[in-house]
Amino acid sequence: MEKLSLSIVSKLSTLQKRLESVLDNDFENINHREIEETRQNFEASRDPGLVRGLSQALPDDHIDRAVVMFSRLAMCFESGVLLENNDGQWKAQAYFNKGVTELFKTANKTVLPMPDSACLTVLKAKSQPILQKLHLERLDPENKNQALMIKVTHDYAFVLFSTLPDIWLKDHAENIRMALVNGFAD
């Protein structure tokens, strides 16, 4: 049990460092060797205890809350994209891949159509059309991922990619949904 706790603390510390880097836009000091090592050693966590802890100690501001939760989800999925609603257009703002989070740097950020759904509803989709639209095909070159689309607020949505087979993805998605409900339902 102690080993699991140390592992969780280590992962949260690493993610917190990455989140600070994203929030500060401090990409000058990134150690590229460390990033590559993180990607090579990455394995998405399916631990229900870790997933339940995703919603703890979130900021009060809804923008910060969305960014922090998105960053924390990098531990639980192979890849993900953060979308922001700008006058009905869902624009990609950031993405993570194998534990490493990056901002989209282009001024003309890609717009992704978001299906009409209630907040905190999980929608499943094929990953390739979404990744092609976002020009991120490299995140799933073997076409093994499934996409989960979740509108967490009226302003933010997550698209999360997983290699889990349906039988396990259903439980994992429900655990994630409950963590999001705990984090965003006011």
Foldseek 3Di string as FASTA:
>chain_A
DVVVVVVLVVLVVVLVVLLVCAVVVPPPPDDVVVVVVLQVPFDADLDLVSLLCLQPPADPDPVSNLSSSQSSCLNHFQKKWKWFADPQWTFTAWMDGSNHIDGDDDPPTQTDHDDDDDALDKDKAQVVVVCVSRVNCVSPVPSQWIWIWGHLDPTMIMIGIHNDPPVSVVVSSVSNSVSSCSRRVD
